[in-house]
C-alpha atoms as a PDB file:
ATOM      1  CA  MET A   1       9.865 -20.368  -9.791  1.00  0.00           C
ATOM      2  CA  GLY A   2       9.338 -16.921  -8.308  1.00  0.00           C
ATOM      3  CA  THR A   3       9.188 -15.374  -4.695  1.00  0.00           C
ATOM      4  CA  LEU A   4       5.383 -14.468  -3.473  1.00  0.00           C
ATOM      5  CA  SER A   5       5.693 -11.511  -0.812  1.00  0.00           C
ATOM      6  CA  TYR A   6       2.860  -9.964   0.742  1.00  0.00           C
ATOM      7  CA  THR A   7       2.213  -7.257   2.919  1.00  0.00           C
ATOM      8  CA  ALA A   8      -1.014  -6.611   5.174  1.00  0.00           C
ATOM      9  CA  THR A   9      -1.688  -2.905   7.055  1.00  0.00           C
ATOM     10  CA  ILE A  10      -4.259  -4.087   9.730  1.00  0.00           C
ATOM     11  CA  SER A  11      -4.461  -3.231  13.364  1.00  0.00           C
ATOM     12  CA  ILE A  12      -4.705  -6.069  16.128  1.00  0.00           C
ATOM     13  CA  ASP A  13      -8.083  -5.996  16.165  1.00  0.00           C
ATOM     14  CA  GLY A  14      -8.479  -6.695  12.449  1.00  0.00           C
ATOM     15  CA  TYR A  15      -9.236  -3.271  10.870  1.00  0.00           C
ATOM     16  CA  ALA A  16      -6.781  -0.272   9.055  1.00  0.00           C
ATOM     17  CA  ALA A  17      -8.958   2.105   9.017  1.00  0.00           C
ATOM     18  CA  ASP A  18     -10.075   4.648  12.715  1.00  0.00           C
ATOM     19  CA  ALA A  19     -13.210   4.983  13.762  1.00  0.00           C
ATOM     20  CA  ASN A  20     -13.887   7.791  11.265  1.00  0.00           C
ATOM     21  CA  GLY A  21     -13.011   5.417   8.230  1.00  0.00           C
ATOM     22  CA  ASP A  22      -9.755   7.053   7.984  1.00  0.00           C
ATOM     23  CA  PHE A  23      -6.174   4.933   8.073  1.00  0.00           C
ATOM     24  CA  ALA A  24      -3.000   7.822   8.188  1.00  0.00           C
ATOM     25  CA  TRP A  25      -2.531   6.295  11.099  1.00  0.00           C
ATOM     26  CA  THR A  26      -0.455   3.868   9.249  1.00  0.00           C
ATOM     27  CA  ALA A  27       1.599   6.052   7.409  1.00  0.00           C
ATOM     28  CA  PRO A  28       5.550   4.616   7.822  1.00  0.00           C
ATOM     29  CA  GLY A  29       8.166   7.758   8.604  1.00  0.00           C
ATOM     30  CA  GLY A  30      10.450   8.347   5.777  1.00  0.00           C
ATOM     31  CA  ASP A  31      13.130   5.343   6.388  1.00  0.00           C
ATOM     32  CA  VAL A  32      10.215   2.583   5.958  1.00  0.00           C
ATOM     33  CA  PHE A  33       8.878   4.514   2.977  1.00  0.00           C
ATOM     34  CA  ARG A  34      12.533   4.267   1.104  1.00  0.00           C
ATOM     35  CA  PHE A  35      12.595   0.633   2.187  1.00  0.00           C
ATOM     36  CA  HIS A  36       9.128  -0.374   0.665  1.00  0.00           C
ATOM     37  CA  VAL A  37       9.503   1.647  -2.829  1.00  0.00           C
ATOM     38  CA  GLU A  38      12.818   0.264  -2.973  1.00  0.00           C
ATOM     39  CA  ARG A  39      11.247  -3.246  -2.796  1.00  0.00           C
ATOM     40  CA  MET A  40       8.509  -2.541  -4.821  1.00  0.00           C
ATOM     41  CA  GLY A  41      10.971  -1.551  -7.723  1.00  0.00           C
ATOM     42  CA  SER A  42      11.391  -5.320  -8.474  1.00  0.00           C
ATOM     43  CA  ILE A  43       7.875  -6.229  -8.502  1.00  0.00           C
ATOM     44  CA  SER A  44       6.361  -7.423 -11.694  1.00  0.00           C
ATOM     45  CA  HIS A  45       2.400  -8.202 -10.298  1.00  0.00           C
ATOM     46  CA  GLU A  46       0.690  -6.289  -7.435  1.00  0.00           C
ATOM     47  CA  ILE A  47      -2.706  -7.243  -6.237  1.00  0.00           C
ATOM     48  CA  LEU A  48      -4.604  -4.813  -4.492  1.00  0.00           C
ATOM     49  CA  GLY A  49      -8.389  -4.811  -2.467  1.00  0.00           C
ATOM     50  CA  ARG A  50     -10.621  -2.723  -4.408  1.00  0.00           C
ATOM     51  CA  ASN A  51     -10.498   0.356  -1.823  1.00  0.00           C
ATOM     52  CA  THR A  52      -6.617   0.086  -2.184  1.00  0.00           C
ATOM     53  CA  TYR A  53      -6.914  -0.028  -5.882  1.00  0.00           C
ATOM     54  CA  GLN A  54      -9.362   2.883  -6.117  1.00  0.00           C
ATOM     55  CA  LEU A  55      -6.981   5.139  -3.993  1.00  0.00           C
ATOM     56  CA  MET A  56      -4.074   3.729  -5.940  1.00  0.00           C
ATOM     57  CA  THR A  57      -5.464   4.937  -9.288  1.00  0.00           C
ATOM     58  CA  TYR A  58      -4.488   8.742  -8.098  1.00  0.00           C
ATOM     59  CA  TRP A  59      -0.677   8.336  -8.586  1.00  0.00           C
ATOM     60  CA  GLN A  60      -1.496   6.660 -11.953  1.00  0.00           C
ATOM     61  CA  ALA A  61      -4.003   9.234 -13.329  1.00  0.00           C
ATOM     62  CA  GLY A  62      -0.831  11.739 -12.435  1.00  0.00           C
ATOM     63  CA  LEU A  63       1.336   9.861 -14.691  1.00  0.00           C
ATOM     64  CA  LEU A  64      -0.776   9.428 -17.680  1.00  0.00           C
ATOM     65  CA  ARG A  65      -1.623  13.724 -17.898  1.00  0.00           C
END
């Protein structure tokens, strides 16, 4: 049986975006980003919400060019 890991970016009041709809405040520093990228290397499946999926298609489109 595999391991289920999950990550959620959300503020204490239940939002991931600020009053303007931006979520740049959640951007990780260099060390945290590197850790996350290394951790994702062993991931076989990923489930994303609609908005996150739409954001991630930017990188997929870049890889397909």
